Amino acid sequence: MNILFVCLGNICRSPAAEGVFLHLIKQRELTDQFLVDSAGTGGWHVGNPADRRMQAAARRRGIHLPSRARQIELGDLESFDY
């Protein structure tokens, strides 16, 4: 199952959703069943890590935010199931 989380700039909401989802599937030993990513509708933050405040909030909960911001691409609509 391929899942793409999307928000506006890909530095807060979608990387947080991606990180939480990755955390949950790791706990359940399901990582081999999912391809997970996040993207933004805009390209303002391409290449940047998640916002430092979002990283801090995730870290307090034991969640890692691994992705770097990227803009959604047309091919994503073909590659991802959700």
C-alpha atoms as a PDB file:
ATOM      1  CA  MET A   1       0.000   0.000   0.000  1.00  0.00           C
ATOM      2  CA  ASN A   2       1.432   3.372  -1.021  1.00  0.00           C
ATOM      3  CA  ILE A   3       0.284   6.365   1.051  1.00  0.00           C
ATOM      4  CA  LEU A   4       1.125  10.034   0.438  1.00  0.00           C
ATOM      5  CA  PHE A   5       0.295  12.657   3.053  1.00  0.00           C
ATOM      6  CA  VAL A   6      -0.185  16.136   1.545  1.00  0.00           C
ATOM      7  CA  CYS A   7      -0.401  19.644   3.005  1.00  0.00           C
ATOM      8  CA  LEU A   8       0.452  23.137   1.804  1.00  0.00           C
ATOM      9  CA  GLY A   9       4.211  23.451   2.314  1.00  0.00           C
ATOM     10  CA  ASN A  10       5.269  19.984   3.527  1.00  0.00           C
ATOM     11  CA  ILE A  11       7.049  21.190   6.675  1.00  0.00           C
ATOM     12  CA  CYS A  12       4.351  20.759   9.363  1.00  0.00           C
ATOM     13  CA  ARG A  13       1.161  18.745   8.906  1.00  0.00           C
ATOM     14  CA  SER A  14       2.073  16.219   6.222  1.00  0.00           C
ATOM     15  CA  PRO A  15       5.515  15.316   7.637  1.00  0.00           C
ATOM     16  CA  ALA A  16       3.873  14.955  11.064  1.00  0.00           C
ATOM     17  CA  ALA A  17       1.210  12.635   9.623  1.00  0.00           C
ATOM     18  CA  GLU A  18       3.909  10.679   7.782  1.00  0.00           C
ATOM     19  CA  GLY A  19       5.997  10.378  10.957  1.00  0.00           C
ATOM     20  CA  VAL A  20       3.062   9.260  13.108  1.00  0.00           C
ATOM     21  CA  PHE A  21       1.978   6.719  10.498  1.00  0.00           C
ATOM     22  CA  LEU A  22       5.537   5.349  10.184  1.00  0.00           C
ATOM     23  CA  HIS A  23       5.737   5.143  13.978  1.00  0.00           C
ATOM     24  CA  LEU A  24       2.465   3.199  14.195  1.00  0.00           C
ATOM     25  CA  ILE A  25       3.268   0.712  11.431  1.00  0.00           C
ATOM     26  CA  LYS A  26       6.709   0.120  12.946  1.00  0.00           C
ATOM     27  CA  GLN A  27       5.088  -0.681  16.313  1.00  0.00           C
ATOM     28  CA  ARG A  28       2.853  -3.190  14.556  1.00  0.00           C
ATOM     29  CA  GLU A  29       5.727  -4.637  12.484  1.00  0.00           C
ATOM     30  CA  LEU A  30       3.982  -3.700   9.217  1.00  0.00           C
ATOM     31  CA  THR A  31       6.686  -1.541   7.618  1.00  0.00           C
ATOM     32  CA  ASP A  32       7.207  -4.006   4.767  1.00  0.00           C
ATOM     33  CA  GLN A  33       3.558  -3.554   3.728  1.00  0.00           C
ATOM     34  CA  PHE A  34       3.629   0.221   3.206  1.00  0.00           C
ATOM     35  CA  LEU A  35       5.434   2.863   1.193  1.00  0.00           C
ATOM     36  CA  VAL A  36       4.867   6.184   2.957  1.00  0.00           C
ATOM     37  CA  ASP A  37       5.823   9.720   1.900  1.00  0.00           C
ATOM     38  CA  SER A  38       4.642  13.307   2.215  1.00  0.00           C
ATOM     39  CA  ALA A  39       4.528  16.292  -0.132  1.00  0.00           C
ATOM     40  CA  GLY A  40       3.278  19.847  -0.327  1.00  0.00           C
ATOM     41  CA  THR A  41       1.058  21.533  -2.868  1.00  0.00           C
ATOM     42  CA  GLY A  42       3.523  24.433  -2.947  1.00  0.00           C
ATOM     43  CA  GLY A  43       7.257  24.340  -3.490  1.00  0.00           C
ATOM     44  CA  TRP A  44       8.397  27.052  -1.057  1.00  0.00           C
ATOM     45  CA  HIS A  45      10.197  24.707   1.329  1.00  0.00           C
ATOM     46  CA  VAL A  46      11.575  22.051  -1.059  1.00  0.00           C
ATOM     47  CA  GLY A  47      14.573  20.317   0.493  1.00  0.00           C
ATOM     48  CA  ASN A  48      13.965  21.577   4.026  1.00  0.00           C
ATOM     49  CA  PRO A  49      13.362  19.298   7.016  1.00  0.00           C
ATOM     50  CA  ALA A  50      10.163  19.597   9.030  1.00  0.00           C
ATOM     51  CA  ASP A  51       9.729  22.863  10.933  1.00  0.00           C
ATOM     52  CA  ARG A  52      11.790  22.848  14.152  1.00  0.00           C
ATOM     53  CA  ARG A  53       8.656  23.278  16.291  1.00  0.00           C
ATOM     54  CA  MET A  54       7.015  20.281  14.634  1.00  0.00           C
ATOM     55  CA  GLN A  55      10.217  18.277  15.093  1.00  0.00           C
ATOM     56  CA  ALA A  56      10.297  19.192  18.793  1.00  0.00           C
ATOM     57  CA  ALA A  57       6.638  18.224  19.275  1.00  0.00           C
ATOM     58  CA  ALA A  58       7.225  14.896  17.524  1.00  0.00           C
ATOM     59  CA  ARG A  59      10.440  14.208  19.449  1.00  0.00           C
ATOM     60  CA  ARG A  60       8.604  14.719  22.771  1.00  0.00           C
ATOM     61  CA  ARG A  61       6.320  11.881  21.707  1.00  0.00           C
ATOM     62  CA  GLY A  62       9.113   9.591  20.502  1.00  0.00           C
ATOM     63  CA  ILE A  63       8.317  10.142  16.827  1.00  0.00           C
ATOM     64  CA  HIS A  64      10.967  10.696  14.146  1.00  0.00           C
ATOM     65  CA  LEU A  65      10.190  12.936  11.130  1.00  0.00           C
ATOM     66  CA  PRO A  66      12.517  11.601   8.425  1.00  0.00           C
ATOM     67  CA  SER A  67      11.403  13.393   5.275  1.00  0.00           C
ATOM     68  CA  ARG A  68      12.549  16.535   3.509  1.00  0.00           C
ATOM     69  CA  ALA A  69       9.982  18.840   1.945  1.00  0.00           C
ATOM     70  CA  ARG A  70       9.057  18.236  -1.659  1.00  0.00           C
ATOM     71  CA  GLN A  71       6.299  19.402  -3.942  1.00  0.00           C
ATOM     72  CA  ILE A  72       3.695  16.929  -5.106  1.00  0.00           C
ATOM     73  CA  GLU A  73       4.235  15.754  -8.679  1.00  0.00           C
ATOM     74  CA  LEU A  74       1.772  14.535 -11.283  1.00  0.00           C
ATOM     75  CA  GLY A  75       3.298  11.044 -11.099  1.00  0.00           C
ATOM     76  CA  ASP A  76       2.391  10.859  -7.399  1.00  0.00           C
ATOM     77  CA  LEU A  77      -1.249  10.561  -8.421  1.00  0.00           C
ATOM     78  CA  GLU A  78      -0.352   7.344 -10.238  1.00  0.00           C
ATOM     79  CA  SER A  79       2.167   6.001  -7.702  1.00  0.00           C
ATOM     80  CA  PHE A  80       0.187   6.332  -4.494  1.00  0.00           C
ATOM     81  CA  ASP A  81      -2.990   4.492  -3.538  1.00  0.00           C
ATOM     82  CA  TYR A  82      -4.053   7.081  -0.958  1.00  0.00           C
END
